[in-house]
Amino acid sequence: MKKLIVSIAVICAIVIGLDRLLAHVMWQVNQQSHDIWSYKIKYLYNDANQDIILFGTSRCNNHYVSSIIADSMNMSVYNGGISSSRNIFAHYIALNLVLIHHTPKIVCLELSSNDFNKESDAFSSTNVFAPYINKAPEIDSVFHAAGSYWPFMLSHLYRFNNKACENMAGLVLDWEKDDASGYQPIGKPEFLPDRLEHELNDKETDNLKLDYLQRFIDKCNSRNIKLVFMISPRYTMVSSTYYNDLKLIANRNRVPLLDYHTAGLYLNSPELFKDPNHLWDEGARLYSSFFATDLMKIMN
């Protein structure tokens, strides 16, 4: 029995040792990779030091031209939008990656219905951040809420499972599409959106998402960061109450919310859109100038 116990202990030690060794190797791969996700997350964690940092998903990444906003505000700007990051859980992690080493003067958060509606797998976009578990308690809180914290703690190598192939491919392929300031332009579409649709919000509100949106606000307030919410244009129509959950939390916390979607900005200009959800580069440049003007008014 004693030999069995010793054998089991040795096997466990070997397994844990291999897990930690391979996880260290994958961390180095992750930090050197030029795949679609890792390089931007790495930049937010290590290097982002701009006065203004924008957070959000692809609609942030593709809609805000950092150089235009920087020229208007006379401040340095980084577009930290991460495509496919999906909702507030990922945005909250991204914010805290930056706050580990830098406190920006202004944070701008692009919001959508995904930031308050219930989804079948609301945490699906957070696993790409798993390599950064134990970097900050705020980051860990998201994985606790998702129920994945302890599996990721048990196996450090498992943290890289979500994007391991992309990480390794990114060592030899350069998939970076953003410019140096984080903006990712979209090319001119071959076909324009064919019709203007009316979106109906028939989903249930996710109170946990609203809780993390409040945490995002509280974290900015604790660092004396000026926070602005925005909802950029889409080629769809919505009712005046579509974003009520977001407007209520913004009003309660006195956070400016620039809602260009409900206002119908550019609905008469379908040629500015790549698809119903995204502006292409020309539209993004027009919109960035429009947004920068409003941002200046808020900050003055």
Protein backbone atom coordinates (compact mmCIF):
# COMPACT_ATOMS: atom_id res chain seq x y z
CA MET A 1 0.00 0.00 0.00
CA LYS A 2 2.85 2.37 0.87
CA LYS A 3 4.50 1.71 -2.49
CA LEU A 4 1.20 2.38 -4.24
CA ILE A 5 0.78 5.69 -2.45
CA VAL A 6 4.36 6.68 -3.31
CA SER A 7 3.84 5.66 -6.95
CA ILE A 8 0.64 7.70 -7.18
CA ALA A 9 2.38 10.69 -5.59
CA VAL A 10 5.29 10.44 -8.06
CA ILE A 11 2.92 10.18 -11.03
CA CYS A 12 0.94 13.19 -9.79
CA ALA A 13 4.15 15.18 -9.34
CA ILE A 14 5.28 14.30 -12.87
CA VAL A 15 1.90 15.21 -14.37
CA ILE A 16 1.79 18.52 -12.51
CA GLY A 17 5.40 19.28 -13.43
CA LEU A 18 4.75 18.58 -17.12
CA ASP A 19 1.59 20.65 -17.00
CA ARG A 20 3.44 23.64 -15.53
CA LEU A 21 6.38 23.25 -17.93
CA LEU A 22 4.19 23.04 -21.03
CA ALA A 23 2.08 25.92 -19.74
CA HIS A 24 5.24 28.03 -19.47
CA VAL A 25 6.12 27.15 -23.05
CA MET A 26 2.62 28.05 -24.22
CA TRP A 27 2.80 31.36 -22.34
CA GLN A 28 5.92 32.23 -24.34
CA VAL A 29 4.15 31.18 -27.53
CA ASN A 30 1.14 33.28 -26.58
CA GLN A 31 3.26 36.34 -25.88
CA GLN A 32 5.12 36.05 -29.20
CA SER A 33 2.15 35.12 -31.36
CA HIS A 34 0.74 37.43 -34.03
CA ASP A 35 -2.61 35.72 -34.25
CA ILE A 36 -5.92 37.58 -34.34
CA TRP A 37 -6.42 37.86 -30.57
CA SER A 38 -3.22 37.37 -28.58
CA TYR A 39 -1.19 40.31 -29.82
CA LYS A 40 -3.82 42.88 -28.84
CA ILE A 41 -4.49 41.35 -25.43
CA LYS A 42 -0.73 41.22 -24.88
CA TYR A 43 -0.46 44.91 -25.82
CA LEU A 44 -3.20 45.88 -23.36
CA TYR A 45 -1.47 43.91 -20.60
CA ASN A 46 2.08 45.07 -21.25
CA ASP A 47 2.23 48.29 -23.22
CA ALA A 48 -0.96 50.33 -23.41
CA ASN A 49 -0.17 53.75 -21.93
CA GLN A 50 -2.37 56.16 -23.89
CA ASP A 51 -4.47 58.98 -22.46
CA ILE A 52 -7.65 57.61 -24.04
CA ILE A 53 -8.35 53.89 -24.42
CA LEU A 54 -11.42 52.46 -26.10
CA PHE A 55 -12.88 49.07 -25.22
CA GLY A 56 -15.45 46.87 -26.94
CA THR A 57 -15.82 44.19 -29.55
CA SER A 58 -15.47 44.35 -33.35
CA ARG A 59 -17.75 47.37 -33.60
CA CYS A 60 -15.22 49.23 -31.45
CA ASN A 61 -12.27 47.77 -33.31
CA ASN A 62 -13.69 48.74 -36.73
CA HIS A 63 -15.49 52.01 -36.00
CA TYR A 64 -13.04 54.25 -34.13
CA VAL A 65 -10.04 55.64 -35.99
CA SER A 66 -7.59 56.40 -33.20
CA SER A 67 -5.60 59.00 -35.15
CA ILE A 68 -8.71 61.10 -35.88
CA ILE A 69 -9.78 61.07 -32.24
CA ALA A 70 -6.20 61.82 -31.12
CA ASP A 71 -5.94 64.84 -33.44
CA SER A 72 -9.27 66.23 -32.22
CA MET A 73 -8.60 65.66 -28.52
CA ASN A 74 -4.87 66.44 -28.65
CA MET A 75 -4.34 63.31 -26.59
CA SER A 76 -2.86 59.89 -27.29
CA VAL A 77 -5.48 57.25 -28.17
CA TYR A 78 -5.50 53.47 -28.42
CA ASN A 79 -8.37 51.42 -29.79
CA GLY A 80 -8.46 48.39 -27.51
CA GLY A 81 -11.50 46.83 -29.16
CA ILE A 82 -11.12 43.06 -29.55
CA SER A 83 -13.13 41.36 -32.28
CA SER A 84 -15.36 38.52 -31.02
CA SER A 85 -14.94 39.61 -27.40
CA ARG A 86 -18.73 39.85 -27.45
CA ASN A 87 -19.82 41.41 -24.13
CA ILE A 88 -19.11 43.16 -20.84
CA PHE A 89 -17.40 40.15 -19.25
CA ALA A 90 -14.56 40.36 -21.78
CA HIS A 91 -14.49 44.17 -21.71
CA TYR A 92 -14.16 44.14 -17.91
CA ILE A 93 -11.18 41.79 -18.17
CA ALA A 94 -9.59 43.98 -20.85
CA LEU A 95 -9.98 47.09 -18.68
CA ASN A 96 -8.31 45.40 -15.73
CA LEU A 97 -5.43 44.15 -17.87
CA VAL A 98 -4.60 47.79 -18.60
CA LEU A 99 -5.12 48.97 -15.02
CA ILE A 100 -2.47 46.55 -13.79
CA HIS A 101 0.18 48.95 -15.11
CA HIS A 102 -1.53 52.12 -16.39
CA THR A 103 -4.38 54.49 -15.57
CA PRO A 104 -5.76 56.26 -18.65
CA LYS A 105 -7.39 59.66 -18.36
CA ILE A 106 -10.46 58.68 -20.38
CA VAL A 107 -12.03 55.27 -21.06
CA CYS A 108 -14.63 54.87 -23.81
CA LEU A 109 -16.74 51.71 -23.83
CA GLU A 110 -18.67 50.65 -26.93
CA LEU A 111 -21.85 48.86 -25.87
CA SER A 112 -24.49 46.72 -27.55
CA SER A 113 -27.49 44.56 -26.68
CA ASN A 114 -25.02 41.75 -25.87
CA ASP A 115 -24.03 43.75 -22.80
CA PHE A 116 -27.42 43.32 -21.14
CA ASN A 117 -29.29 40.51 -22.91
CA LYS A 118 -29.17 36.90 -21.77
CA GLU A 119 -27.20 34.55 -24.01
CA SER A 120 -26.90 30.77 -24.09
CA ASP A 121 -23.14 30.98 -23.42
CA ALA A 122 -22.36 34.47 -22.18
CA PHE A 123 -18.80 33.54 -21.16
CA SER A 124 -17.75 31.97 -24.46
CA SER A 125 -15.53 34.93 -25.34
CA THR A 126 -13.66 35.03 -22.02
CA ASN A 127 -11.59 31.85 -22.41
CA VAL A 128 -9.14 33.66 -24.69
CA PHE A 129 -8.15 35.64 -21.57
CA ALA A 130 -7.54 32.48 -19.49
CA PRO A 131 -3.71 32.81 -19.71
CA TYR A 132 -4.09 35.94 -17.55
CA ILE A 133 -5.74 34.22 -14.60
CA ASN A 134 -4.12 35.30 -11.31
CA LYS A 135 -2.95 38.60 -12.80
CA ALA A 136 -5.69 40.54 -11.00
CA PRO A 137 -8.58 39.53 -8.70
CA GLU A 138 -11.04 41.41 -10.90
CA ILE A 139 -10.06 39.22 -13.84
CA ASP A 140 -10.35 36.08 -11.74
CA SER A 141 -13.86 37.11 -10.66
CA VAL A 142 -15.14 36.63 -14.22
CA PHE A 143 -13.80 33.07 -14.35
CA HIS A 144 -15.32 32.36 -10.95
CA ALA A 145 -18.67 33.60 -12.30
CA ALA A 146 -18.22 31.42 -15.39
CA GLY A 147 -17.42 28.37 -13.27
CA SER A 148 -14.11 27.81 -15.07
CA TYR A 149 -11.66 29.21 -12.52
CA TRP A 150 -10.82 25.97 -10.73
CA PRO A 151 -10.40 23.85 -13.89
CA PHE A 152 -7.97 26.50 -15.15
CA MET A 153 -6.18 26.47 -11.78
CA LEU A 154 -5.93 22.68 -11.79
CA SER A 155 -4.28 22.64 -15.21
CA HIS A 156 -2.31 25.70 -16.25
CA LEU A 157 -1.86 24.19 -19.71
CA TYR A 158 -5.64 24.02 -20.09
CA ARG A 159 -5.73 27.84 -20.03
CA PHE A 160 -4.24 27.86 -23.52
CA ASN A 161 -6.53 25.20 -24.96
CA ASN A 162 -9.02 27.68 -26.44
CA LYS A 163 -6.56 29.26 -28.90
CA ALA A 164 -3.53 26.94 -28.85
CA CYS A 165 -3.55 26.27 -32.60
CA GLU A 166 -3.99 29.96 -33.43
CA ASN A 167 -1.22 30.91 -30.99
CA MET A 168 1.24 28.51 -32.60
CA ALA A 169 0.23 29.46 -36.15
CA GLY A 170 0.74 33.09 -35.17
CA LEU A 171 4.45 32.42 -34.67
CA VAL A 172 4.91 31.99 -38.42
CA LEU A 173 1.90 33.85 -39.83
CA ASP A 174 1.17 37.52 -39.20
CA TRP A 175 -2.59 37.88 -38.83
CA GLU A 176 -2.48 41.34 -37.28
CA LYS A 177 -4.94 43.56 -39.11
CA ASP A 178 -4.94 46.58 -36.81
CA ASP A 179 -2.83 49.66 -37.29
CA ALA A 180 -0.35 50.71 -34.61
CA SER A 181 -3.05 52.53 -32.67
CA GLY A 182 -5.42 49.54 -32.57
CA TYR A 183 -7.90 50.53 -35.28
CA GLN A 184 -8.83 47.83 -37.79
CA PRO A 185 -10.16 49.20 -41.10
CA ILE A 186 -12.71 47.28 -43.14
CA GLY A 187 -12.46 47.38 -46.94
CA LYS A 188 -15.16 48.75 -49.22
CA PRO A 189 -18.03 46.27 -49.55
CA GLU A 190 -18.92 44.71 -52.88
CA PHE A 191 -22.61 44.79 -52.02
CA LEU A 192 -24.53 47.29 -49.89
CA PRO A 193 -26.96 46.20 -47.16
CA ASP A 194 -30.10 45.41 -49.16
CA ARG A 195 -32.75 46.56 -46.73
CA LEU A 196 -33.27 48.43 -43.49
CA GLU A 197 -34.56 46.08 -40.79
CA HIS A 198 -36.19 46.87 -37.47
CA GLU A 199 -34.62 45.09 -34.50
CA LEU A 200 -36.84 43.84 -31.70
CA ASN A 201 -35.39 43.24 -28.28
CA ASP A 202 -37.29 40.18 -27.10
CA LYS A 203 -34.57 38.73 -24.88
CA GLU A 204 -34.47 38.58 -21.10
CA THR A 205 -32.15 40.94 -19.23
CA ASP A 206 -29.03 39.35 -17.72
CA ASN A 207 -28.59 40.97 -14.32
CA LEU A 208 -25.10 39.53 -13.94
CA LYS A 209 -24.03 41.47 -17.04
CA LEU A 210 -25.48 44.64 -15.56
CA ASP A 211 -23.59 43.88 -12.34
CA TYR A 212 -20.32 43.69 -14.28
CA LEU A 213 -21.18 46.88 -16.14
CA GLN A 214 -21.55 48.52 -12.73
CA ARG A 215 -18.21 47.04 -11.71
CA PHE A 216 -16.69 48.55 -14.84
CA ILE A 217 -18.06 51.94 -13.81
CA ASP A 218 -16.92 51.56 -10.21
CA LYS A 219 -13.42 50.55 -11.28
CA CYS A 220 -13.08 53.67 -13.44
CA ASN A 221 -14.43 55.85 -10.64
CA SER A 222 -11.93 54.37 -8.18
CA ARG A 223 -9.10 55.50 -10.47
CA ASN A 224 -10.66 58.90 -11.28
CA ILE A 225 -10.99 57.88 -14.93
CA LYS A 226 -13.54 59.78 -17.01
CA LEU A 227 -15.85 57.19 -18.53
CA VAL A 228 -18.00 57.50 -21.64
CA PHE A 229 -20.39 54.92 -23.10
CA MET A 230 -21.24 54.87 -26.79
CA ILE A 231 -23.36 52.84 -29.18
CA SER A 232 -22.09 53.36 -32.71
CA PRO A 233 -24.28 53.39 -35.85
CA ARG A 234 -25.85 50.27 -37.28
CA TYR A 235 -27.90 49.87 -40.42
CA THR A 236 -30.97 48.78 -38.44
CA MET A 237 -33.77 50.62 -36.68
CA VAL A 238 -34.61 50.22 -32.99
CA SER A 239 -37.26 51.65 -30.68
CA SER A 240 -36.46 54.46 -28.25
CA THR A 241 -36.61 51.93 -25.38
CA TYR A 242 -34.33 49.30 -26.94
CA TYR A 243 -31.32 50.26 -24.79
CA ASN A 244 -33.23 51.21 -21.65
CA ASP A 245 -31.19 48.87 -19.42
CA LEU A 246 -28.00 50.60 -20.50
CA LYS A 247 -29.50 54.08 -20.26
CA LEU A 248 -30.77 53.47 -16.74
CA ILE A 249 -27.38 52.37 -15.40
CA ALA A 250 -25.64 55.20 -17.24
CA ASN A 251 -28.04 57.82 -15.86
CA ARG A 252 -27.80 56.41 -12.35
CA ASN A 253 -24.02 56.73 -12.43
CA ARG A 254 -23.93 59.98 -14.43
CA VAL A 255 -21.98 58.36 -17.24
CA PRO A 256 -22.49 60.02 -20.64
CA LEU A 257 -24.02 57.62 -23.15
CA LEU A 258 -23.75 58.58 -26.82
CA ASP A 259 -26.40 56.48 -28.56
CA TYR A 260 -25.98 56.92 -32.31
CA HIS A 261 -27.84 53.73 -33.14
CA THR A 262 -31.22 54.76 -31.73
CA ALA A 263 -30.71 58.22 -33.24
CA GLY A 264 -30.40 56.60 -36.67
CA LEU A 265 -27.08 58.14 -37.63
CA TYR A 266 -26.22 57.28 -41.28
CA LEU A 267 -29.44 55.37 -41.95
CA ASN A 268 -29.69 57.44 -45.12
CA SER A 269 -26.18 56.39 -46.15
CA PRO A 270 -26.07 52.61 -46.65
CA GLU A 271 -22.90 53.06 -48.72
CA LEU A 272 -21.02 53.69 -45.46
CA PHE A 273 -21.77 50.19 -44.11
CA LYS A 274 -19.99 46.91 -44.75
CA ASP A 275 -22.97 45.02 -43.32
CA PRO A 276 -25.85 45.93 -40.98
CA ASN A 277 -23.51 45.90 -37.96
CA HIS A 278 -20.30 47.45 -39.26
CA LEU A 279 -19.13 50.60 -40.99
CA TRP A 280 -16.37 50.19 -43.54
CA ASP A 281 -13.30 52.44 -43.42
CA GLU A 282 -14.88 55.48 -45.08
CA GLY A 283 -17.87 55.34 -42.74
CA ALA A 284 -15.63 54.77 -39.74
CA ARG A 285 -13.60 57.88 -40.57
CA LEU A 286 -16.70 60.04 -40.89
CA TYR A 287 -18.10 58.61 -37.69
CA SER A 288 -14.82 58.99 -35.77
CA SER A 289 -14.80 62.73 -36.57
CA PHE A 290 -18.43 63.00 -35.47
CA PHE A 291 -17.72 61.08 -32.26
CA ALA A 292 -14.57 63.07 -31.50
CA THR A 293 -16.56 66.32 -31.68
CA ASP A 294 -19.11 64.97 -29.17
CA LEU A 295 -16.35 63.64 -26.94
CA MET A 296 -14.70 67.06 -26.84
CA LYS A 297 -18.02 68.64 -25.79
CA ILE A 298 -18.38 66.13 -22.96
CA MET A 299 -14.84 66.66 -21.69
CA ASN A 300 -15.00 70.47 -21.81
